[in-house]
Amino acid sequence: MDGRTGIIELPNSNVLKYKLEGGAWVCVRPSGTEPKIKFYFGVKEETAEASEQVLKEVVEEVMGRVSVMSTV
């Protein structure tokens, strides 16, 4: 990054992206065709096995929190 600012020529979108500790991320957006919310996850680890394990942990943590919110 060089500190420059400017206008980004991309369309607006209804998306939330959270960067998590360790480089993982989760992106949340409404479905364009159905009444539901979609979640996308990303992780980056040294090996595929480590990535799969971290992804599993992140998905369980996030979806567990979503489940609690939906019952309140």
N, C-alpha and C. Protein backbone atom coordinates (compact mmCIF):
# COMPACT_ATOMS: atom_id res chain seq x y z
N MET A 1 0.84 -1.17 0.00
CA MET A 1 0.00 0.00 0.00
C MET A 1 0.89 1.23 0.00
N ASP A 2 0.48 2.21 -0.77
CA ASP A 2 1.29 3.42 -0.87
C ASP A 2 0.59 4.65 -0.32
N GLY A 3 -0.60 4.50 0.25
CA GLY A 3 -1.30 5.61 0.85
C GLY A 3 -2.14 6.44 -0.11
N ARG A 4 -2.11 6.09 -1.38
CA ARG A 4 -2.91 6.84 -2.36
C ARG A 4 -4.40 6.56 -2.16
N THR A 5 -5.21 7.54 -2.48
CA THR A 5 -6.65 7.36 -2.45
C THR A 5 -7.22 7.70 -3.82
N GLY A 6 -8.39 7.18 -4.09
CA GLY A 6 -9.03 7.46 -5.36
C GLY A 6 -10.37 6.78 -5.44
N ILE A 7 -11.05 7.01 -6.53
CA ILE A 7 -12.37 6.42 -6.76
C ILE A 7 -12.19 5.02 -7.34
N ILE A 8 -12.93 4.07 -6.78
CA ILE A 8 -12.93 2.70 -7.28
C ILE A 8 -14.13 2.55 -8.20
N GLU A 9 -13.91 2.13 -9.40
CA GLU A 9 -14.97 2.01 -10.41
C GLU A 9 -15.62 0.63 -10.36
N LEU A 10 -16.17 0.28 -9.20
CA LEU A 10 -16.87 -0.99 -9.03
C LEU A 10 -18.30 -0.71 -8.59
N PRO A 11 -19.24 -1.58 -8.92
CA PRO A 11 -20.62 -1.36 -8.48
C PRO A 11 -20.75 -1.54 -6.97
N ASN A 12 -21.71 -0.82 -6.38
CA ASN A 12 -22.01 -1.01 -4.96
C ASN A 12 -22.56 -2.41 -4.76
N SER A 13 -22.32 -2.97 -3.58
CA SER A 13 -22.90 -4.27 -3.28
C SER A 13 -23.26 -4.33 -1.81
N ASN A 14 -24.22 -5.16 -1.50
CA ASN A 14 -24.74 -5.32 -0.15
C ASN A 14 -24.00 -6.47 0.52
N VAL A 15 -22.78 -6.21 0.96
CA VAL A 15 -21.89 -7.26 1.46
C VAL A 15 -21.16 -6.76 2.71
N LEU A 16 -20.99 -7.66 3.67
CA LEU A 16 -20.14 -7.40 4.83
C LEU A 16 -19.00 -8.40 4.79
N LYS A 17 -17.77 -7.91 4.93
CA LYS A 17 -16.61 -8.81 4.97
C LYS A 17 -15.84 -8.53 6.24
N TYR A 18 -15.62 -9.59 7.01
CA TYR A 18 -14.90 -9.49 8.27
C TYR A 18 -13.57 -10.20 8.15
N LYS A 19 -12.50 -9.51 8.49
CA LYS A 19 -11.18 -10.12 8.53
C LYS A 19 -10.94 -10.59 9.95
N LEU A 20 -10.60 -11.87 10.09
CA LEU A 20 -10.43 -12.50 11.39
C LEU A 20 -8.96 -12.66 11.73
N GLU A 21 -8.69 -12.94 12.99
CA GLU A 21 -7.31 -13.19 13.41
C GLU A 21 -6.75 -14.37 12.63
N GLY A 22 -5.49 -14.32 12.32
CA GLY A 22 -4.84 -15.42 11.63
C GLY A 22 -5.01 -15.39 10.12
N GLY A 23 -5.65 -14.36 9.60
CA GLY A 23 -5.80 -14.24 8.16
C GLY A 23 -7.07 -14.82 7.57
N ALA A 24 -7.91 -15.45 8.40
CA ALA A 24 -9.19 -15.97 7.90
C ALA A 24 -10.15 -14.81 7.67
N TRP A 25 -11.20 -15.05 6.88
CA TRP A 25 -12.22 -14.04 6.66
C TRP A 25 -13.57 -14.70 6.45
N VAL A 26 -14.62 -13.92 6.69
CA VAL A 26 -15.98 -14.35 6.40
C VAL A 26 -16.71 -13.20 5.72
N CYS A 27 -17.45 -13.54 4.69
CA CYS A 27 -18.21 -12.57 3.91
C CYS A 27 -19.69 -12.96 4.01
N VAL A 28 -20.55 -11.98 4.26
CA VAL A 28 -21.97 -12.22 4.45
C VAL A 28 -22.75 -11.33 3.49
N ARG A 29 -23.72 -11.94 2.79
CA ARG A 29 -24.55 -11.15 1.88
C ARG A 29 -25.91 -11.80 1.72
N PRO A 30 -26.92 -11.01 1.37
CA PRO A 30 -28.22 -11.61 1.12
C PRO A 30 -28.22 -12.31 -0.23
N SER A 31 -29.02 -13.35 -0.34
CA SER A 31 -29.19 -14.02 -1.62
C SER A 31 -29.95 -13.08 -2.56
N GLY A 32 -29.61 -13.12 -3.81
CA GLY A 32 -30.31 -12.30 -4.78
C GLY A 32 -31.60 -12.92 -5.30
N THR A 33 -31.79 -14.21 -5.00
CA THR A 33 -32.95 -14.92 -5.55
C THR A 33 -33.83 -15.58 -4.50
N GLU A 34 -33.34 -15.69 -3.27
CA GLU A 34 -34.08 -16.38 -2.22
C GLU A 34 -34.04 -15.57 -0.93
N PRO A 35 -35.01 -15.77 -0.04
CA PRO A 35 -35.01 -15.04 1.24
C PRO A 35 -34.06 -15.70 2.26
N LYS A 36 -32.77 -15.61 2.00
CA LYS A 36 -31.80 -16.19 2.92
C LYS A 36 -30.49 -15.41 2.85
N ILE A 37 -29.64 -15.65 3.82
CA ILE A 37 -28.33 -15.00 3.89
C ILE A 37 -27.27 -16.02 3.49
N LYS A 38 -26.30 -15.59 2.71
CA LYS A 38 -25.22 -16.48 2.28
C LYS A 38 -23.93 -16.10 3.00
N PHE A 39 -23.16 -17.12 3.35
CA PHE A 39 -21.88 -16.94 4.03
C PHE A 39 -20.78 -17.53 3.16
N TYR A 40 -19.68 -16.82 3.05
CA TYR A 40 -18.50 -17.30 2.34
C TYR A 40 -17.33 -17.19 3.30
N PHE A 41 -16.47 -18.20 3.31
CA PHE A 41 -15.35 -18.24 4.24
C PHE A 41 -14.05 -18.42 3.48
N GLY A 42 -12.98 -17.90 4.04
CA GLY A 42 -11.66 -18.08 3.46
C GLY A 42 -10.61 -18.22 4.54
N VAL A 43 -9.65 -19.08 4.32
CA VAL A 43 -8.51 -19.26 5.23
C VAL A 43 -7.25 -19.44 4.39
N LYS A 44 -6.13 -19.21 5.01
CA LYS A 44 -4.85 -19.43 4.33
C LYS A 44 -3.88 -20.02 5.35
N GLU A 45 -3.52 -21.25 5.14
CA GLU A 45 -2.59 -21.96 6.02
C GLU A 45 -1.48 -22.58 5.18
N GLU A 46 -0.50 -23.14 5.84
CA GLU A 46 0.66 -23.71 5.16
C GLU A 46 0.34 -24.97 4.35
N THR A 47 -0.64 -25.75 4.83
CA THR A 47 -0.98 -27.00 4.14
C THR A 47 -2.49 -27.07 3.92
N ALA A 48 -2.89 -27.94 2.99
CA ALA A 48 -4.32 -28.13 2.75
C ALA A 48 -5.01 -28.69 3.99
N GLU A 49 -4.34 -29.59 4.69
CA GLU A 49 -4.91 -30.18 5.90
C GLU A 49 -5.13 -29.12 6.97
N ALA A 50 -4.15 -28.25 7.16
CA ALA A 50 -4.29 -27.17 8.14
C ALA A 50 -5.40 -26.21 7.73
N SER A 51 -5.50 -25.93 6.44
CA SER A 51 -6.56 -25.04 5.95
C SER A 51 -7.93 -25.65 6.22
N GLU A 52 -8.08 -26.93 5.97
CA GLU A 52 -9.36 -27.60 6.20
C GLU A 52 -9.73 -27.56 7.68
N GLN A 53 -8.76 -27.76 8.56
CA GLN A 53 -9.03 -27.74 10.00
C GLN A 53 -9.43 -26.35 10.46
N VAL A 54 -8.68 -25.33 10.04
CA VAL A 54 -9.00 -23.96 10.44
C VAL A 54 -10.35 -23.54 9.86
N LEU A 55 -10.62 -23.91 8.62
CA LEU A 55 -11.90 -23.59 8.00
C LEU A 55 -13.05 -24.19 8.80
N LYS A 56 -12.90 -25.44 9.20
CA LYS A 56 -13.93 -26.11 10.00
C LYS A 56 -14.17 -25.35 11.30
N GLU A 57 -13.09 -24.95 11.96
CA GLU A 57 -13.22 -24.22 13.23
C GLU A 57 -13.89 -22.86 13.04
N VAL A 58 -13.51 -22.15 11.99
CA VAL A 58 -14.09 -20.83 11.72
C VAL A 58 -15.58 -20.96 11.41
N VAL A 59 -15.94 -21.90 10.55
CA VAL A 59 -17.35 -22.10 10.19
C VAL A 59 -18.17 -22.46 11.43
N GLU A 60 -17.66 -23.36 12.26
CA GLU A 60 -18.39 -23.76 13.48
C GLU A 60 -18.58 -22.57 14.41
N GLU A 61 -17.55 -21.76 14.59
CA GLU A 61 -17.64 -20.60 15.48
C GLU A 61 -18.64 -19.58 14.95
N VAL A 62 -18.53 -19.21 13.69
CA VAL A 62 -19.41 -18.19 13.11
C VAL A 62 -20.86 -18.69 13.08
N MET A 63 -21.08 -19.88 12.59
CA MET A 63 -22.44 -20.38 12.47
C MET A 63 -23.06 -20.64 13.84
N GLY A 64 -22.25 -20.99 14.82
CA GLY A 64 -22.75 -21.12 16.19
C GLY A 64 -23.26 -19.79 16.72
N ARG A 65 -22.53 -18.73 16.43
CA ARG A 65 -22.97 -17.39 16.85
C ARG A 65 -24.23 -16.97 16.10
N VAL A 66 -24.32 -17.29 14.83
CA VAL A 66 -25.51 -16.96 14.05
C VAL A 66 -26.72 -17.71 14.60
N SER A 67 -26.52 -18.97 14.95
CA SER A 67 -27.60 -19.78 15.50
C SER A 67 -28.14 -19.18 16.79
N VAL A 68 -27.25 -18.71 17.65
CA VAL A 68 -27.66 -18.08 18.91
C VAL A 68 -28.45 -16.81 18.63
N MET A 69 -28.00 -16.01 17.66
CA MET A 69 -28.71 -14.76 17.33
C MET A 69 -30.10 -15.04 16.77
N SER A 70 -30.26 -16.11 16.03
CA SER A 70 -31.56 -16.38 15.40
C SER A 70 -32.59 -16.90 16.40
N THR A 71 -32.16 -17.30 17.59
CA THR A 71 -33.10 -17.79 18.60
C THR A 71 -33.46 -16.72 19.61
N VAL A 72 -32.87 -15.54 19.51
CA VAL A 72 -33.14 -14.46 20.46
C VAL A 72 -34.35 -13.68 20.02
